[in-house]
Amino acid sequence: MDDRRPPRSSEEELHLEIAGEVQGVGFRVGLYREAQRRDVTGWVRNRSDGRVEALLQGAREDLEVLEEWCRRGPRYARVEAVEARWEPRGAKCPSFEID
């Protein structure tokens, strides 16, 4: 039996800005954990205007799953809006970081 993973599709980049009650509710840590599960790199940070911003790099199908997760957020979040922009992939992020 072949234990190798199927080939991953080409990597893409997704930039997200999430608004609502998304700071102080574990949003960044939750997204970090979801990204780790899917082998997605990038970063997530709180913005001074109350939003959370993230840059995700990985296979399109993984990024789509993470975008859907961001539309729900962790248990205590209340997501009001998500702005998602697919962008040409910039410099490769070596890991996923919480800023």
Protein backbone atom coordinates (compact mmCIF):
# COMPACT_ATOMS: atom_id res chain seq x y z
CA MET A 1 0.00 0.00 0.00
CA ASP A 2 1.29 3.47 -0.92
CA ASP A 3 1.37 5.81 2.12
CA ARG A 4 2.40 8.91 0.22
CA ARG A 5 0.06 11.89 0.25
CA PRO A 6 -1.57 12.80 -3.04
CA PRO A 7 0.15 15.65 -4.85
CA ARG A 8 -0.92 19.08 -3.61
CA SER A 9 -2.28 21.61 -6.04
CA SER A 10 -0.23 24.74 -6.67
CA GLU A 11 0.03 27.16 -3.81
CA GLU A 12 -2.03 30.33 -3.70
CA GLU A 13 -2.40 33.27 -1.34
CA LEU A 14 -5.50 34.56 0.44
CA HIS A 15 -5.67 37.82 2.39
CA LEU A 16 -8.52 38.09 4.92
CA GLU A 17 -9.89 40.90 7.06
CA ILE A 18 -12.44 39.71 9.63
CA ALA A 19 -14.76 42.16 11.44
CA GLY A 20 -17.01 41.70 14.45
CA GLU A 21 -16.28 40.49 17.96
CA VAL A 22 -13.08 38.76 16.89
CA GLN A 23 -10.45 40.03 19.33
CA GLY A 24 -10.04 38.54 22.80
CA VAL A 25 -12.01 35.39 21.90
CA GLY A 26 -9.22 33.06 20.73
CA PHE A 27 -9.60 33.85 17.03
CA ARG A 28 -5.87 34.06 16.25
CA VAL A 29 -5.00 30.91 18.18
CA GLY A 30 -7.92 29.04 16.59
CA LEU A 31 -6.85 30.06 13.09
CA TYR A 32 -3.26 29.09 13.91
CA ARG A 33 -4.39 25.59 14.91
CA GLU A 34 -6.55 25.19 11.80
CA ALA A 35 -3.68 26.36 9.58
CA GLN A 36 -1.30 23.89 11.24
CA ARG A 37 -3.72 21.03 10.54
CA ARG A 38 -3.80 21.92 6.86
CA ASP A 39 -0.10 22.71 6.38
CA VAL A 40 -0.92 26.35 5.56
CA THR A 41 1.66 29.07 6.16
CA GLY A 42 1.26 32.81 6.72
CA TRP A 43 0.30 35.01 9.64
CA VAL A 44 -2.61 36.38 11.65
CA ARG A 45 -2.77 39.59 13.71
CA ASN A 46 -5.13 41.91 15.54
CA ARG A 47 -5.63 45.30 13.95
CA SER A 48 -6.02 48.50 15.94
CA ASP A 49 -9.51 49.00 14.41
CA GLY A 50 -10.82 45.82 16.09
CA ARG A 51 -10.55 43.54 13.07
CA VAL A 52 -8.36 40.47 12.64
CA GLU A 53 -6.19 40.28 9.53
CA ALA A 54 -4.62 37.13 8.08
CA LEU A 55 -2.45 36.17 5.14
CA LEU A 56 -2.69 32.50 4.22
CA GLN A 57 -0.54 30.53 1.76
CA GLY A 58 -1.26 27.00 0.65
CA ALA A 59 -3.34 24.82 -1.63
CA ARG A 60 -6.56 26.52 -2.79
CA GLU A 61 -8.79 23.84 -1.25
CA ASP A 62 -7.12 24.30 2.15
CA LEU A 63 -7.42 28.08 1.94
CA GLU A 64 -11.11 27.79 1.05
CA VAL A 65 -11.69 25.65 4.15
CA LEU A 66 -9.88 28.20 6.32
CA GLU A 67 -11.88 31.05 4.80
CA GLU A 68 -15.09 29.23 5.79
CA TRP A 69 -13.69 28.68 9.29
CA CYS A 70 -13.02 32.44 9.53
CA ARG A 71 -16.63 33.17 8.59
CA ARG A 72 -17.69 31.25 11.74
CA GLY A 73 -14.67 31.80 13.98
CA PRO A 74 -14.09 30.13 17.33
CA ARG A 75 -16.82 29.50 19.87
CA TYR A 76 -17.03 32.97 21.44
CA ALA A 77 -16.46 35.05 18.31
CA ARG A 78 -19.20 36.87 16.48
CA VAL A 79 -18.10 37.37 12.91
CA GLU A 80 -19.96 40.17 11.14
CA ALA A 81 -18.02 40.37 7.86
CA VAL A 82 -15.09 38.80 6.05
CA GLU A 83 -13.29 40.54 3.23
CA ALA A 84 -11.34 37.98 1.19
CA ARG A 85 -8.89 38.78 -1.57
CA TRP A 86 -7.09 36.17 -3.64
CA GLU A 87 -3.70 37.56 -4.56
CA PRO A 88 -0.68 36.46 -6.55
CA ARG A 89 1.53 34.61 -4.12
CA GLY A 90 4.29 36.77 -2.71
CA ALA A 91 7.37 35.60 -0.89
CA LYS A 92 6.80 32.21 0.73
CA CYS A 93 6.09 32.35 4.46
CA PRO A 94 8.15 29.60 6.13
CA SER A 95 5.58 28.90 8.86
CA PHE A 96 2.37 30.25 10.36
CA GLU A 97 2.83 32.99 12.94
CA ILE A 98 0.61 34.87 15.35
CA ASP A 99 1.59 38.51 15.32
